[in-house]
C-alpha atoms as a PDB file:
ATOM      1  CA  MET A   1      87.760  53.483 -10.379  1.00  0.00           C
ATOM      2  CA  SER A   2      84.541  55.058  -9.105  1.00  0.00           C
ATOM      3  CA  THR A   3      83.908  55.508  -5.395  1.00  0.00           C
ATOM      4  CA  ALA A   4      80.805  54.449  -3.490  1.00  0.00           C
ATOM      5  CA  VAL A   5      79.690  58.089  -3.376  1.00  0.00           C
ATOM      6  CA  GLU A   6      80.053  58.472  -7.150  1.00  0.00           C
ATOM      7  CA  ARG A   7      78.121  55.252  -7.769  1.00  0.00           C
ATOM      8  CA  PHE A   8      75.363  56.427  -5.423  1.00  0.00           C
ATOM      9  CA  ASP A   9      75.185  59.808  -7.166  1.00  0.00           C
ATOM     10  CA  ASP A  10      75.105  58.212 -10.606  1.00  0.00           C
ATOM     11  CA  LYS A  11      72.210  55.949  -9.599  1.00  0.00           C
ATOM     12  CA  ALA A  12      70.341  58.869  -8.017  1.00  0.00           C
ATOM     13  CA  ARG A  13      70.827  61.075 -11.104  1.00  0.00           C
ATOM     14  CA  ASP A  14      69.661  58.307 -13.433  1.00  0.00           C
ATOM     15  CA  ALA A  15      66.626  57.562 -11.264  1.00  0.00           C
ATOM     16  CA  PHE A  16      65.559  61.207 -11.105  1.00  0.00           C
ATOM     17  CA  ASP A  17      66.137  61.692 -14.844  1.00  0.00           C
ATOM     18  CA  GLN A  18      63.462  59.041 -15.418  1.00  0.00           C
ATOM     19  CA  ILE A  19      60.819  61.012 -13.513  1.00  0.00           C
ATOM     20  CA  GLY A  20      61.912  64.548 -14.470  1.00  0.00           C
ATOM     21  CA  GLN A  21      63.128  66.408 -17.524  1.00  0.00           C
ATOM     22  CA  ASN A  22      66.339  68.073 -18.647  1.00  0.00           C
ATOM     23  CA  ASN A  23      65.172  70.450 -21.368  1.00  0.00           C
ATOM     24  CA  VAL A  24      68.128  71.730 -23.370  1.00  0.00           C
ATOM     25  CA  TYR A  25      67.502  73.761 -26.514  1.00  0.00           C
ATOM     26  CA  GLU A  26      69.749  75.010 -29.288  1.00  0.00           C
ATOM     27  CA  GLY A  27      72.383  77.385 -27.960  1.00  0.00           C
ATOM     28  CA  GLU A  28      72.132  75.957 -24.442  1.00  0.00           C
ATOM     29  CA  LEU A  29      74.163  73.600 -22.267  1.00  0.00           C
ATOM     30  CA  LEU A  30      72.967  71.213 -19.569  1.00  0.00           C
ATOM     31  CA  ARG A  31      74.225  72.446 -16.202  1.00  0.00           C
ATOM     32  CA  HIS A  32      72.160  70.788 -13.465  1.00  0.00           C
ATOM     33  CA  ARG A  33      70.338  67.490 -13.817  1.00  0.00           C
ATOM     34  CA  VAL A  34      67.010  66.745 -12.125  1.00  0.00           C
ATOM     35  CA  TYR A  35      68.556  65.197  -9.009  1.00  0.00           C
ATOM     36  CA  THR A  36      70.715  68.245  -8.326  1.00  0.00           C
ATOM     37  CA  ARG A  37      67.788  70.606  -8.822  1.00  0.00           C
ATOM     38  CA  PHE A  38      65.607  68.524  -6.524  1.00  0.00           C
ATOM     39  CA  LEU A  39      68.208  68.629  -3.764  1.00  0.00           C
ATOM     40  CA  HIS A  40      68.719  72.383  -4.230  1.00  0.00           C
ATOM     41  CA  TRP A  41      65.027  73.184  -3.786  1.00  0.00           C
ATOM     42  CA  MET A  42      64.573  70.787  -0.872  1.00  0.00           C
ATOM     43  CA  VAL A  43      67.549  72.380   0.885  1.00  0.00           C
ATOM     44  CA  ALA A  44      66.022  75.821   0.239  1.00  0.00           C
ATOM     45  CA  LEU A  45      62.570  74.704   1.427  1.00  0.00           C
ATOM     46  CA  PHE A  46      63.742  73.231   4.723  1.00  0.00           C
ATOM     47  CA  PHE A  47      66.159  76.114   5.332  1.00  0.00           C
ATOM     48  CA  PHE A  48      63.386  78.681   5.156  1.00  0.00           C
ATOM     49  CA  LEU A  49      60.967  76.516   7.149  1.00  0.00           C
ATOM     50  CA  ALA A  50      63.595  76.204   9.879  1.00  0.00           C
ATOM     51  CA  LEU A  51      64.388  79.917   9.593  1.00  0.00           C
ATOM     52  CA  PHE A  52      60.774  81.090   9.914  1.00  0.00           C
ATOM     53  CA  THR A  53      59.947  78.750  12.800  1.00  0.00           C
ATOM     54  CA  GLY A  54      63.204  79.822  14.436  1.00  0.00           C
ATOM     55  CA  PHE A  55      62.224  83.482  14.121  1.00  0.00           C
ATOM     56  CA  ALA A  56      58.860  82.747  15.706  1.00  0.00           C
ATOM     57  CA  ILE A  57      60.524  80.946  18.631  1.00  0.00           C
ATOM     58  CA  TYR A  58      63.528  83.160  19.342  1.00  0.00           C
ATOM     59  CA  LEU A  59      62.177  86.584  18.340  1.00  0.00           C
ATOM     60  CA  PRO A  60      58.498  86.453  19.270  1.00  0.00           C
ATOM     61  CA  SER A  61      58.382  90.214  19.810  1.00  0.00           C
ATOM     62  CA  LEU A  62      58.925  90.700  16.062  1.00  0.00           C
ATOM     63  CA  PHE A  63      57.786  87.454  14.479  1.00  0.00           C
ATOM     64  CA  ARG A  64      54.994  86.071  16.661  1.00  0.00           C
ATOM     65  CA  TRP A  65      52.719  86.409  13.605  1.00  0.00           C
ATOM     66  CA  LEU A  66      54.600  83.491  12.042  1.00  0.00           C
ATOM     67  CA  ALA A  67      53.603  80.989  14.735  1.00  0.00           C
ATOM     68  CA  PRO A  68      49.924  80.644  13.672  1.00  0.00           C
ATOM     69  CA  ILE A  69      51.095  79.706  10.161  1.00  0.00           C
ATOM     70  CA  PHE A  70      52.686  76.592  11.666  1.00  0.00           C
ATOM     71  CA  GLY A  71      49.800  75.777  13.980  1.00  0.00           C
ATOM     72  CA  GLY A  72      50.651  77.902  17.019  1.00  0.00           C
ATOM     73  CA  GLY A  73      53.573  78.339  19.391  1.00  0.00           C
ATOM     74  CA  PRO A  74      53.877  74.798  20.824  1.00  0.00           C
ATOM     75  CA  LEU A  75      53.629  73.125  17.411  1.00  0.00           C
ATOM     76  CA  THR A  76      56.080  75.630  15.930  1.00  0.00           C
ATOM     77  CA  ARG A  77      58.563  74.706  18.649  1.00  0.00           C
ATOM     78  CA  GLU A  78      58.044  71.009  17.893  1.00  0.00           C
ATOM     79  CA  LEU A  79      58.426  71.452  14.125  1.00  0.00           C
ATOM     80  CA  HIS A  80      61.557  73.626  14.192  1.00  0.00           C
ATOM     81  CA  PRO A  81      64.103  70.878  14.988  1.00  0.00           C
ATOM     82  CA  TRP A  82      62.509  68.571  12.412  1.00  0.00           C
ATOM     83  CA  PHE A  83      62.779  71.258   9.738  1.00  0.00           C
ATOM     84  CA  GLY A  84      66.398  71.742  10.751  1.00  0.00           C
ATOM     85  CA  THR A  85      66.992  68.006  10.496  1.00  0.00           C
ATOM     86  CA  GLY A  86      65.465  68.015   7.007  1.00  0.00           C
ATOM     87  CA  PHE A  87      67.759  70.849   5.962  1.00  0.00           C
ATOM     88  CA  VAL A  88      70.881  69.065   7.218  1.00  0.00           C
ATOM     89  CA  ALA A  89      69.800  65.761   5.642  1.00  0.00           C
ATOM     90  CA  PHE A  90      69.194  67.172   2.166  1.00  0.00           C
ATOM     91  CA  PHE A  91      72.277  69.360   2.280  1.00  0.00           C
ATOM     92  CA  SER A  92      74.322  66.307   3.222  1.00  0.00           C
ATOM     93  CA  LEU A  93      73.143  64.674  -0.007  1.00  0.00           C
ATOM     94  CA  GLN A  94      74.033  67.858  -1.881  1.00  0.00           C
ATOM     95  CA  LEU A  95      77.474  67.730  -0.296  1.00  0.00           C
ATOM     96  CA  LEU A  96      77.988  64.230  -1.680  1.00  0.00           C
ATOM     97  CA  ASN A  97      76.630  65.370  -5.039  1.00  0.00           C
ATOM     98  CA  TRP A  98      78.964  68.381  -5.312  1.00  0.00           C
ATOM     99  CA  ILE A  99      82.018  67.419  -3.313  1.00  0.00           C
ATOM    100  CA  ARG A 100      84.185  66.901  -6.390  1.00  0.00           C
ATOM    101  CA  PRO A 101      83.453  70.188  -8.255  1.00  0.00           C
ATOM    102  CA  MET A 102      83.619  72.078  -4.940  1.00  0.00           C
ATOM    103  CA  LYS A 103      87.252  71.144  -4.268  1.00  0.00           C
ATOM    104  CA  TRP A 104      89.475  74.212  -3.886  1.00  0.00           C
ATOM    105  CA  THR A 105      92.121  74.750  -6.584  1.00  0.00           C
ATOM    106  CA  ASP A 106      94.889  77.219  -7.416  1.00  0.00           C
ATOM    107  CA  ALA A 107      92.488  78.881  -9.856  1.00  0.00           C
ATOM    108  CA  ASP A 108      90.166  79.607  -6.940  1.00  0.00           C
ATOM    109  CA  SER A 109      92.963  81.271  -4.983  1.00  0.00           C
ATOM    110  CA  ARG A 110      93.712  83.491  -7.978  1.00  0.00           C
ATOM    111  CA  TRP A 111      89.994  84.285  -8.302  1.00  0.00           C
ATOM    112  CA  MET A 112      89.871  85.440  -4.685  1.00  0.00           C
ATOM    113  CA  ARG A 113      92.910  87.687  -5.180  1.00  0.00           C
ATOM    114  CA  ASN A 114      91.081  89.387  -8.059  1.00  0.00           C
ATOM    115  CA  LEU A 115      87.751  89.546  -6.229  1.00  0.00           C
ATOM    116  CA  ARG A 116      87.591  93.358  -6.232  1.00  0.00           C
ATOM    117  CA  LYS A 117      87.862  93.572 -10.015  1.00  0.00           C
ATOM    118  CA  ILE A 118      85.414  90.731 -10.551  1.00  0.00           C
ATOM    119  CA  ALA A 119      82.830  92.049  -8.094  1.00  0.00           C
ATOM    120  CA  GLY A 120      83.213  95.571  -9.468  1.00  0.00           C
ATOM    121  CA  GLY A 121      82.348  94.422 -12.966  1.00  0.00           C
ATOM    122  CA  LYS A 122      85.677  95.602 -14.387  1.00  0.00           C
ATOM    123  CA  GLU A 123      86.126  92.284 -16.156  1.00  0.00           C
ATOM    124  CA  LYS A 124      83.599  91.402 -18.885  1.00  0.00           C
ATOM    125  CA  MET A 125      84.254  87.702 -18.433  1.00  0.00           C
ATOM    126  CA  GLU A 126      85.273  85.602 -15.468  1.00  0.00           C
ATOM    127  CA  PRO A 127      88.934  84.485 -15.392  1.00  0.00           C
ATOM    128  CA  PRO A 128      89.570  81.865 -18.109  1.00  0.00           C
ATOM    129  CA  ASP A 129      90.337  79.136 -15.554  1.00  0.00           C
ATOM    130  CA  THR A 130      86.957  79.480 -13.784  1.00  0.00           C
ATOM    131  CA  GLY A 131      85.407  76.026 -13.849  1.00  0.00           C
ATOM    132  CA  PHE A 132      81.992  74.633 -12.972  1.00  0.00           C
ATOM    133  CA  PHE A 133      81.906  76.731  -9.786  1.00  0.00           C
ATOM    134  CA  ASN A 134      83.890  79.861  -9.046  1.00  0.00           C
ATOM    135  CA  ALA A 135      85.718  80.522  -5.783  1.00  0.00           C
ATOM    136  CA  GLY A 136      82.914  82.644  -4.373  1.00  0.00           C
ATOM    137  CA  GLN A 137      80.401  79.845  -4.862  1.00  0.00           C
ATOM    138  CA  LYS A 138      82.780  77.333  -3.331  1.00  0.00           C
ATOM    139  CA  ALA A 139      83.450  79.577  -0.331  1.00  0.00           C
ATOM    140  CA  GLN A 140      79.731  79.918   0.308  1.00  0.00           C
ATOM    141  CA  PHE A 141      79.217  76.182  -0.098  1.00  0.00           C
ATOM    142  CA  TRP A 142      81.856  75.340   2.493  1.00  0.00           C
ATOM    143  CA  GLU A 143      80.489  78.040   4.793  1.00  0.00           C
ATOM    144  CA  ILE A 144      77.140  76.226   4.632  1.00  0.00           C
ATOM    145  CA  VAL A 145      78.904  72.930   5.359  1.00  0.00           C
ATOM    146  CA  VAL A 146      80.447  74.423   8.506  1.00  0.00           C
ATOM    147  CA  GLY A 147      77.161  76.115   9.391  1.00  0.00           C
ATOM    148  CA  SER A 148      75.272  72.847   8.987  1.00  0.00           C
ATOM    149  CA  VAL A 149      77.663  71.079  11.358  1.00  0.00           C
ATOM    150  CA  VAL A 150      77.188  73.874  13.902  1.00  0.00           C
ATOM    151  CA  PHE A 151      73.410  73.719  13.406  1.00  0.00           C
ATOM    152  CA  LEU A 152      73.392  69.964  13.907  1.00  0.00           C
ATOM    153  CA  ILE A 153      75.522  69.897  17.056  1.00  0.00           C
ATOM    154  CA  THR A 154      73.955  72.920  18.743  1.00  0.00           C
ATOM    155  CA  GLY A 155      70.483  71.887  17.598  1.00  0.00           C
ATOM    156  CA  ILE A 156      70.820  68.489  19.263  1.00  0.00           C
ATOM    157  CA  ILE A 157      71.990  70.145  22.480  1.00  0.00           C
ATOM    158  CA  LEU A 158      69.093  72.605  22.431  1.00  0.00           C
ATOM    159  CA  TRP A 159      66.656  69.833  21.552  1.00  0.00           C
ATOM    160  CA  MET A 160      67.756  67.615  24.444  1.00  0.00           C
ATOM    161  CA  GLY A 161      68.046  70.526  26.867  1.00  0.00           C
ATOM    162  CA  THR A 162      69.803  71.176  30.159  1.00  0.00           C
ATOM    163  CA  ARG A 163      68.939  67.818  31.725  1.00  0.00           C
ATOM    164  CA  THR A 164      71.102  66.052  29.171  1.00  0.00           C
ATOM    165  CA  PHE A 165      73.881  68.574  28.424  1.00  0.00           C
ATOM    166  CA  GLY A 166      73.804  71.105  31.241  1.00  0.00           C
ATOM    167  CA  ARG A 167      73.096  74.832  31.403  1.00  0.00           C
ATOM    168  CA  TRP A 168      76.442  76.039  30.023  1.00  0.00           C
ATOM    169  CA  ALA A 169      76.290  73.830  26.944  1.00  0.00           C
ATOM    170  CA  VAL A 170      72.757  75.023  26.201  1.00  0.00           C
ATOM    171  CA  ALA A 171      73.673  78.690  26.742  1.00  0.00           C
ATOM    172  CA  VAL A 172      76.681  78.462  24.392  1.00  0.00           C
ATOM    173  CA  SER A 173      74.615  76.541  21.846  1.00  0.00           C
ATOM    174  CA  TYR A 174      72.016  79.309  21.735  1.00  0.00           C
ATOM    175  CA  VAL A 175      74.708  81.837  20.811  1.00  0.00           C
ATOM    176  CA  LEU A 176      76.433  79.637  18.217  1.00  0.00           C
ATOM    177  CA  HIS A 177      73.105  78.567  16.715  1.00  0.00           C
ATOM    178  CA  ASP A 178      72.033  82.196  16.266  1.00  0.00           C
ATOM    179  CA  ILE A 179      75.389  83.329  14.864  1.00  0.00           C
ATOM    180  CA  SER A 180      75.391  80.491  12.342  1.00  0.00           C
ATOM    181  CA  ALA A 181      71.832  81.356  11.292  1.00  0.00           C
ATOM    182  CA  ILE A 182      72.706  85.043  10.786  1.00  0.00           C
ATOM    183  CA  VAL A 183      75.828  84.242   8.743  1.00  0.00           C
ATOM    184  CA  MET A 184      73.947  81.725   6.610  1.00  0.00           C
ATOM    185  CA  LEU A 185      71.031  84.110   6.096  1.00  0.00           C
ATOM    186  CA  GLY A 186      73.435  86.795   4.858  1.00  0.00           C
ATOM    187  CA  GLY A 187      74.939  84.293   2.436  1.00  0.00           C
ATOM    188  CA  ILE A 188      71.480  83.342   1.184  1.00  0.00           C
ATOM    189  CA  PHE A 189      70.712  86.986   0.367  1.00  0.00           C
ATOM    190  CA  ILE A 190      73.940  87.195  -1.649  1.00  0.00           C
ATOM    191  CA  HIS A 191      73.091  83.895  -3.353  1.00  0.00           C
ATOM    192  CA  ILE A 192      69.614  85.109  -4.340  1.00  0.00           C
ATOM    193  CA  TYR A 193      71.010  88.384  -5.696  1.00  0.00           C
ATOM    194  CA  LEU A 194      73.700  86.704  -7.797  1.00  0.00           C
ATOM    195  CA  SER A 195      71.347  84.048  -9.142  1.00  0.00           C
ATOM    196  CA  THR A 196      68.874  86.667 -10.363  1.00  0.00           C
ATOM    197  CA  ILE A 197      70.128  90.233 -10.867  1.00  0.00           C
ATOM    198  CA  GLY A 198      73.879  89.730 -10.489  1.00  0.00           C
ATOM    199  CA  GLU A 199      74.234  86.933 -13.044  1.00  0.00           C
ATOM    200  CA  PRO A 200      71.133  86.898 -15.267  1.00  0.00           C
ATOM    201  CA  GLY A 201      70.327  83.441 -16.568  1.00  0.00           C
ATOM    202  CA  THR A 202      71.528  81.632 -13.449  1.00  0.00           C
ATOM    203  CA  PHE A 203      68.075  81.077 -11.981  1.00  0.00           C
ATOM    204  CA  GLN A 204      66.865  79.052 -14.955  1.00  0.00           C
ATOM    205  CA  ALA A 205      69.722  76.623 -14.374  1.00  0.00           C
ATOM    206  CA  MET A 206      67.901  75.473 -11.236  1.00  0.00           C
ATOM    207  CA  ILE A 207      64.498  75.523 -12.952  1.00  0.00           C
ATOM    208  CA  ARG A 208      65.108  73.820 -16.302  1.00  0.00           C
ATOM    209  CA  GLY A 209      68.671  72.670 -15.727  1.00  0.00           C
ATOM    210  CA  ALA A 210      70.086  74.506 -18.757  1.00  0.00           C
ATOM    211  CA  VAL A 211      72.002  77.737 -19.356  1.00  0.00           C
ATOM    212  CA  SER A 212      72.806  79.642 -22.506  1.00  0.00           C
ATOM    213  CA  GLU A 213      76.229  79.207 -24.053  1.00  0.00           C
ATOM    214  CA  ALA A 214      76.759  82.956 -23.613  1.00  0.00           C
ATOM    215  CA  TRP A 215      76.145  82.558 -19.878  1.00  0.00           C
ATOM    216  CA  ALA A 216      78.594  79.654 -19.741  1.00  0.00           C
ATOM    217  CA  TRP A 217      81.464  81.377 -21.526  1.00  0.00           C
ATOM    218  CA  THR A 218      80.908  84.574 -19.533  1.00  0.00           C
ATOM    219  CA  PHE A 219      80.707  83.185 -16.007  1.00  0.00           C
ATOM    220  CA  HIS A 220      82.382  79.750 -16.251  1.00  0.00           C
ATOM    221  CA  PRO A 221      84.710  79.803 -19.280  1.00  0.00           C
ATOM    222  CA  ALA A 222      86.812  76.784 -18.272  1.00  0.00           C
ATOM    223  CA  TRP A 223      83.654  74.704 -17.836  1.00  0.00           C
ATOM    224  CA  TYR A 224      82.389  75.932 -21.216  1.00  0.00           C
ATOM    225  CA  LYS A 225      85.639  74.835 -22.859  1.00  0.00           C
ATOM    226  CA  GLU A 226      85.490  71.477 -21.073  1.00  0.00           C
ATOM    227  CA  VAL A 227      81.990  70.584 -22.275  1.00  0.00           C
ATOM    228  CA  THR A 228      82.161  72.092 -25.795  1.00  0.00           C
ATOM    229  CA  GLY A 229      85.840  71.896 -26.693  1.00  0.00           C
ATOM    230  CA  ARG A 230      85.655  75.520 -27.922  1.00  0.00           C
ATOM    231  CA  ASP A 231      87.637  78.523 -26.743  1.00  0.00           C
ATOM    232  CA  PRO A 232      85.229  80.780 -24.791  1.00  0.00           C
ATOM    233  CA  VAL A 233      86.759  84.050 -26.040  1.00  0.00           C
ATOM    234  CA  GLU A 234      86.611  82.908 -29.652  1.00  0.00           C
ATOM    235  CA  ALA A 235      83.024  81.711 -29.178  1.00  0.00           C
ATOM    236  CA  CYS A 236      82.066  85.088 -27.736  1.00  0.00           C
ATOM    237  CA  GLU A 237      83.701  87.000 -30.593  1.00  0.00           C
ATOM    238  CA  GLU A 238      82.064  84.762 -33.167  1.00  0.00           C
ATOM    239  CA  ALA A 239      78.655  85.392 -31.578  1.00  0.00           C
ATOM    240  CA  ARG A 240      79.316  89.144 -31.753  1.00  0.00           C
ATOM    241  CA  ARG A 241      80.244  88.945 -35.422  1.00  0.00           C
ATOM    242  CA  ARG A 242      76.990  87.114 -36.107  1.00  0.00           C
ATOM    243  CA  GLY A 243      75.048  89.716 -34.135  1.00  0.00           C
ATOM    244  CA  GLN A 244      73.856  87.130 -31.612  1.00  0.00           C
ATOM    245  CA  ILE A 245      75.015  89.269 -28.690  1.00  0.00           C
ATOM    246  CA  ALA A 246      75.410  93.027 -28.425  1.00  0.00           C
ATOM    247  CA  ARG A 247      78.794  94.695 -28.578  1.00  0.00           C
ATOM    248  CA  LYS A 248      79.923  96.527 -25.455  1.00  0.00           C
END
């Protein structure tokens, strides 16, 4: 029996599919539908808008040149909490969209125990039980969930100020707000690296929605097997025999 969240997501996906496209060609698999891609880029947009206005406000000695882009210091200060609100709002929808595939499993715990080998490139393929998301992606996702909650609570306190919450609450909120921003910014750098250089082919999943089968069996073999019914190792070997991928 479907939940209210699942019904909402299904309606949203169907509605966005009618105004966007999911282009999947031969040798590819559909990974992210239009709705998911829309949410991803809106989250990214509002994150960076909040980040840049935040830099201009809290580090004017280094980033005062950003303020004129947003209409000057006073307007930048006014826009920052609204950009933050937009980020939290769209990420909340992404949370609902991804809450099921982001659930932690035993396979994720095993993935984390083998993180050194995986990160070092000693394994040609991800562990065979790696599903739609791996443990690293899930860990970052839940870090953003926690960070968003911290952003929301501390942001409201900073927005309302000392008259509403008092000096101590505002002082602590400044520190927590900044720490959360730094941690999230570091995670974003890792995310950008992995989606481009670290795992080639990932970026197009958020542009066109599709990935190559080779990408799927390499980085998410359990998901590949789920959607195709084929063994990822056998599919890889068959592609090598046909000369579709290079031997290593």
